[in-house]
Amino acid sequence: MGQDVSVSTGDAAVDEALSRLTDLDGAPVREHLQVLEAVHDALQARLADAEG
């Protein structure tokens, strides 16, 4: 792994959520679910905000 990929969506909340995915690099697999759930929750919250 080891790739440092920076993505800019133009939405600060989405960018922040996606940046959490870098926490997976080097983390034990048992910790992946917690990170993925946090990212998923943040993205769902942002989507709900966008829908009004």
PDB file of N, CA and C in Angstrom:
ATOM      1  N   MET A   1       0.850  -1.167   0.000  1.00  0.00           N
ATOM      2  CA  MET A   1       0.000   0.000   0.000  1.00  0.00           C
ATOM      3  C   MET A   1       0.891   1.222   0.000  1.00  0.00           C
ATOM      4  N   GLY A   2       0.661   2.148   0.914  1.00  0.00           N
ATOM      5  CA  GLY A   2       1.564   3.268   1.029  1.00  0.00           C
ATOM      6  C   GLY A   2       1.309   4.413   0.083  1.00  0.00           C
ATOM      7  N   GLN A   3       0.249   4.350  -0.696  1.00  0.00           N
ATOM      8  CA  GLN A   3      -0.049   5.467  -1.579  1.00  0.00           C
ATOM      9  C   GLN A   3      -0.773   6.548  -0.801  1.00  0.00           C
ATOM     10  N   ASP A   4      -0.294   7.773  -0.934  1.00  0.00           N
ATOM     11  CA  ASP A   4      -0.949   8.910  -0.294  1.00  0.00           C
ATOM     12  C   ASP A   4      -1.722   9.646  -1.374  1.00  0.00           C
ATOM     13  N   VAL A   5      -3.018   9.380  -1.414  1.00  0.00           N
ATOM     14  CA  VAL A   5      -3.865   9.956  -2.447  1.00  0.00           C
ATOM     15  C   VAL A   5      -4.767  10.999  -1.800  1.00  0.00           C
ATOM     16  N   SER A   6      -4.678  12.206  -2.294  1.00  0.00           N
ATOM     17  CA  SER A   6      -5.508  13.285  -1.790  1.00  0.00           C
ATOM     18  C   SER A   6      -6.629  13.545  -2.787  1.00  0.00           C
ATOM     19  N   VAL A   7      -7.857  13.484  -2.294  1.00  0.00           N
ATOM     20  CA  VAL A   7      -9.010  13.692  -3.146  1.00  0.00           C
ATOM     21  C   VAL A   7      -9.755  14.917  -2.659  1.00  0.00           C
ATOM     22  N   SER A   8     -10.123  15.763  -3.609  1.00  0.00           N
ATOM     23  CA  SER A   8     -10.919  16.933  -3.257  1.00  0.00           C
ATOM     24  C   SER A   8     -12.223  16.863  -4.023  1.00  0.00           C
ATOM     25  N   THR A   9     -13.313  16.772  -3.277  1.00  0.00           N
ATOM     26  CA  THR A   9     -14.636  16.703  -3.893  1.00  0.00           C
ATOM     27  C   THR A   9     -15.267  18.080  -4.012  1.00  0.00           C
ATOM     28  N   GLY A  10     -14.675  19.046  -3.326  1.00  0.00           N
ATOM     29  CA  GLY A  10     -15.274  20.371  -3.300  1.00  0.00           C
ATOM     30  C   GLY A  10     -16.238  20.548  -2.144  1.00  0.00           C
ATOM     31  N   ASP A  11     -16.427  19.508  -1.370  1.00  0.00           N
ATOM     32  CA  ASP A  11     -17.297  19.553  -0.190  1.00  0.00           C
ATOM     33  C   ASP A  11     -16.437  19.190   1.014  1.00  0.00           C
ATOM     34  N   ALA A  12     -16.259  20.138   1.910  1.00  0.00           N
ATOM     35  CA  ALA A  12     -15.344  19.938   3.043  1.00  0.00           C
ATOM     36  C   ALA A  12     -15.746  18.752   3.917  1.00  0.00           C
ATOM     37  N   ALA A  13     -17.038  18.560   4.145  1.00  0.00           N
ATOM     38  CA  ALA A  13     -17.499  17.456   4.999  1.00  0.00           C
ATOM     39  C   ALA A  13     -17.202  16.105   4.348  1.00  0.00           C
ATOM     40  N   VAL A  14     -17.404  16.018   3.050  1.00  0.00           N
ATOM     41  CA  VAL A  14     -17.119  14.777   2.326  1.00  0.00           C
ATOM     42  C   VAL A  14     -15.617  14.528   2.296  1.00  0.00           C
ATOM     43  N   ASP A  15     -14.848  15.562   2.017  1.00  0.00           N
ATOM     44  CA  ASP A  15     -13.389  15.418   1.994  1.00  0.00           C
ATOM     45  C   ASP A  15     -12.860  14.943   3.343  1.00  0.00           C
ATOM     46  N   GLU A  16     -13.394  15.504   4.408  1.00  0.00           N
ATOM     47  CA  GLU A  16     -12.956  15.097   5.748  1.00  0.00           C
ATOM     48  C   GLU A  16     -13.294  13.634   6.013  1.00  0.00           C
ATOM     49  N   ALA A  17     -14.501  13.235   5.638  1.00  0.00           N
ATOM     50  CA  ALA A  17     -14.900  11.839   5.841  1.00  0.00           C
ATOM     51  C   ALA A  17     -14.001  10.896   5.044  1.00  0.00           C
ATOM     52  N   LEU A  18     -13.764  11.232   3.785  1.00  0.00           N
ATOM     53  CA  LEU A  18     -12.930  10.372   2.945  1.00  0.00           C
ATOM     54  C   LEU A  18     -11.481  10.322   3.424  1.00  0.00           C
ATOM     55  N   SER A  19     -11.019  11.399   4.025  1.00  0.00           N
ATOM     56  CA  SER A  19      -9.639  11.405   4.521  1.00  0.00           C
ATOM     57  C   SER A  19      -9.445  10.384   5.638  1.00  0.00           C
ATOM     58  N   ARG A  20     -10.527  10.026   6.309  1.00  0.00           N
ATOM     59  CA  ARG A  20     -10.443   9.004   7.368  1.00  0.00           C
ATOM     60  C   ARG A  20     -10.037   7.647   6.814  1.00  0.00           C
ATOM     61  N   LEU A  21     -10.256   7.435   5.516  1.00  0.00           N
ATOM     62  CA  LEU A  21      -9.888   6.150   4.922  1.00  0.00           C
ATOM     63  C   LEU A  21      -8.386   5.905   4.981  1.00  0.00           C
ATOM     64  N   THR A  22      -7.606   6.967   5.077  1.00  0.00           N
ATOM     65  CA  THR A  22      -6.158   6.783   5.200  1.00  0.00           C
ATOM     66  C   THR A  22      -5.798   6.146   6.531  1.00  0.00           C
ATOM     67  N   ASP A  23      -6.721   6.188   7.500  1.00  0.00           N
ATOM     68  CA  ASP A  23      -6.489   5.533   8.785  1.00  0.00           C
ATOM     69  C   ASP A  23      -6.406   4.009   8.635  1.00  0.00           C
ATOM     70  N   LEU A  24      -6.915   3.494   7.525  1.00  0.00           N
ATOM     71  CA  LEU A  24      -6.896   2.051   7.307  1.00  0.00           C
ATOM     72  C   LEU A  24      -5.503   1.542   6.953  1.00  0.00           C
ATOM     73  N   ASP A  25      -4.695   2.382   6.345  1.00  0.00           N
ATOM     74  CA  ASP A  25      -3.364   1.979   5.915  1.00  0.00           C
ATOM     75  C   ASP A  25      -2.513   1.643   7.131  1.00  0.00           C
ATOM     76  N   GLY A  26      -2.168   0.396   7.236  1.00  0.00           N
ATOM     77  CA  GLY A  26      -1.329  -0.047   8.339  1.00  0.00           C
ATOM     78  C   GLY A  26      -2.089  -0.419   9.595  1.00  0.00           C
ATOM     79  N   ALA A  27      -3.392  -0.165   9.610  1.00  0.00           N
ATOM     80  CA  ALA A  27      -4.194  -0.512  10.794  1.00  0.00           C
ATOM     81  C   ALA A  27      -4.553  -1.993  10.742  1.00  0.00           C
ATOM     82  N   PRO A  28      -4.653  -2.612  11.903  1.00  0.00           N
ATOM     83  CA  PRO A  28      -5.080  -4.016  11.925  1.00  0.00           C
ATOM     84  C   PRO A  28      -6.483  -4.150  11.326  1.00  0.00           C
ATOM     85  N   VAL A  29      -6.727  -5.238  10.654  1.00  0.00           N
ATOM     86  CA  VAL A  29      -8.017  -5.454   9.998  1.00  0.00           C
ATOM     87  C   VAL A  29      -9.170  -5.326  10.995  1.00  0.00           C
ATOM     88  N   ARG A  30      -8.974  -5.729  12.226  1.00  0.00           N
ATOM     89  CA  ARG A  30     -10.050  -5.662  13.219  1.00  0.00           C
ATOM     90  C   ARG A  30     -10.500  -4.222  13.477  1.00  0.00           C
ATOM     91  N   GLU A  31      -9.674  -3.237  13.109  1.00  0.00           N
ATOM     92  CA  GLU A  31     -10.039  -1.838  13.297  1.00  0.00           C
ATOM     93  C   GLU A  31     -10.701  -1.223  12.053  1.00  0.00           C
ATOM     94  N   HIS A  32     -10.681  -1.920  10.942  1.00  0.00           N
ATOM     95  CA  HIS A  32     -11.221  -1.382   9.699  1.00  0.00           C
ATOM     96  C   HIS A  32     -12.711  -1.101   9.789  1.00  0.00           C
ATOM     97  N   LEU A  33     -13.466  -1.998  10.396  1.00  0.00           N
ATOM     98  CA  LEU A  33     -14.916  -1.825  10.463  1.00  0.00           C
ATOM     99  C   LEU A  33     -15.283  -0.525  11.165  1.00  0.00           C
ATOM    100  N   GLN A  34     -14.622  -0.209  12.251  1.00  0.00           N
ATOM    101  CA  GLN A  34     -14.904   1.017  12.989  1.00  0.00           C
ATOM    102  C   GLN A  34     -14.673   2.250  12.114  1.00  0.00           C
ATOM    103  N   VAL A  35     -13.586   2.268  11.379  1.00  0.00           N
ATOM    104  CA  VAL A  35     -13.281   3.403  10.501  1.00  0.00           C
ATOM    105  C   VAL A  35     -14.305   3.485   9.374  1.00  0.00           C
ATOM    106  N   LEU A  36     -14.586   2.351   8.747  1.00  0.00           N
ATOM    107  CA  LEU A  36     -15.536   2.340   7.635  1.00  0.00           C
ATOM    108  C   LEU A  36     -16.929   2.774   8.080  1.00  0.00           C
ATOM    109  N   GLU A  37     -17.343   2.343   9.256  1.00  0.00           N
ATOM    110  CA  GLU A  37     -18.649   2.765   9.777  1.00  0.00           C
ATOM    111  C   GLU A  37     -18.680   4.266  10.041  1.00  0.00           C
ATOM    112  N   ALA A  38     -17.600   4.813  10.561  1.00  0.00           N
ATOM    113  CA  ALA A  38     -17.541   6.251  10.822  1.00  0.00           C
ATOM    114  C   ALA A  38     -17.612   7.048   9.522  1.00  0.00           C
ATOM    115  N   VAL A  39     -16.913   6.585   8.494  1.00  0.00           N
ATOM    116  CA  VAL A  39     -16.951   7.249   7.189  1.00  0.00           C
ATOM    117  C   VAL A  39     -18.353   7.150   6.604  1.00  0.00           C
ATOM    118  N   HIS A  40     -18.932   5.982   6.670  1.00  0.00           N
ATOM    119  CA  HIS A  40     -20.283   5.769   6.146  1.00  0.00           C
ATOM    120  C   HIS A  40     -21.282   6.680   6.849  1.00  0.00           C
ATOM    121  N   ASP A  41     -21.217   6.747   8.153  1.00  0.00           N
ATOM    122  CA  ASP A  41     -22.129   7.605   8.919  1.00  0.00           C
ATOM    123  C   ASP A  41     -21.961   9.074   8.551  1.00  0.00           C
ATOM    124  N   ALA A  42     -20.711   9.514   8.398  1.00  0.00           N
ATOM    125  CA  ALA A  42     -20.451  10.913   8.050  1.00  0.00           C
ATOM    126  C   ALA A  42     -20.991  11.241   6.663  1.00  0.00           C
ATOM    127  N   LEU A  43     -20.812  10.309   5.728  1.00  0.00           N
ATOM    128  CA  LEU A  43     -21.312  10.544   4.369  1.00  0.00           C
ATOM    129  C   LEU A  43     -22.837  10.523   4.328  1.00  0.00           C
ATOM    130  N   GLN A  44     -23.447   9.648   5.087  1.00  0.00           N
ATOM    131  CA  GLN A  44     -24.910   9.620   5.145  1.00  0.00           C
ATOM    132  C   GLN A  44     -25.451  10.909   5.757  1.00  0.00           C
ATOM    133  N   ALA A  45     -24.791  11.400   6.790  1.00  0.00           N
ATOM    134  CA  ALA A  45     -25.222  12.644   7.422  1.00  0.00           C
ATOM    135  C   ALA A  45     -25.109  13.804   6.453  1.00  0.00           C
ATOM    136  N   ARG A  46     -24.040  13.836   5.683  1.00  0.00           N
ATOM    137  CA  ARG A  46     -23.856  14.923   4.696  1.00  0.00           C
ATOM    138  C   ARG A  46     -24.909  14.834   3.602  1.00  0.00           C
ATOM    139  N   LEU A  47     -25.224  13.640   3.174  1.00  0.00           N
ATOM    140  CA  LEU A  47     -26.258  13.442   2.156  1.00  0.00           C
ATOM    141  C   LEU A  47     -27.611  13.905   2.684  1.00  0.00           C
ATOM    142  N   ALA A  48     -27.917  13.559   3.937  1.00  0.00           N
ATOM    143  CA  ALA A  48     -29.177  13.992   4.527  1.00  0.00           C
ATOM    144  C   ALA A  48     -29.247  15.510   4.613  1.00  0.00           C
ATOM    145  N   ASP A  49     -28.118  16.164   4.924  1.00  0.00           N
ATOM    146  CA  ASP A  49     -28.068  17.619   4.970  1.00  0.00           C
ATOM    147  C   ASP A  49     -28.323  18.216   3.586  1.00  0.00           C
ATOM    148  N   ALA A  50     -27.760  17.597   2.577  1.00  0.00           N
ATOM    149  CA  ALA A  50     -27.890  18.099   1.209  1.00  0.00           C
ATOM    150  C   ALA A  50     -29.312  17.952   0.684  1.00  0.00           C
ATOM    151  N   GLU A  51     -29.994  16.903   1.147  1.00  0.00           N
ATOM    152  CA  GLU A  51     -31.354  16.671   0.703  1.00  0.00           C
ATOM    153  C   GLU A  51     -32.348  17.589   1.383  1.00  0.00           C
ATOM    154  N   GLY A  52     -31.894  18.228   2.447  1.00  0.00           N
ATOM    155  CA  GLY A  52     -32.723  19.223   3.120  1.00  0.00           C
ATOM    156  C   GLY A  52     -33.507  18.673   4.225  1.00  0.00           C
TER     157      GLY A  52
END
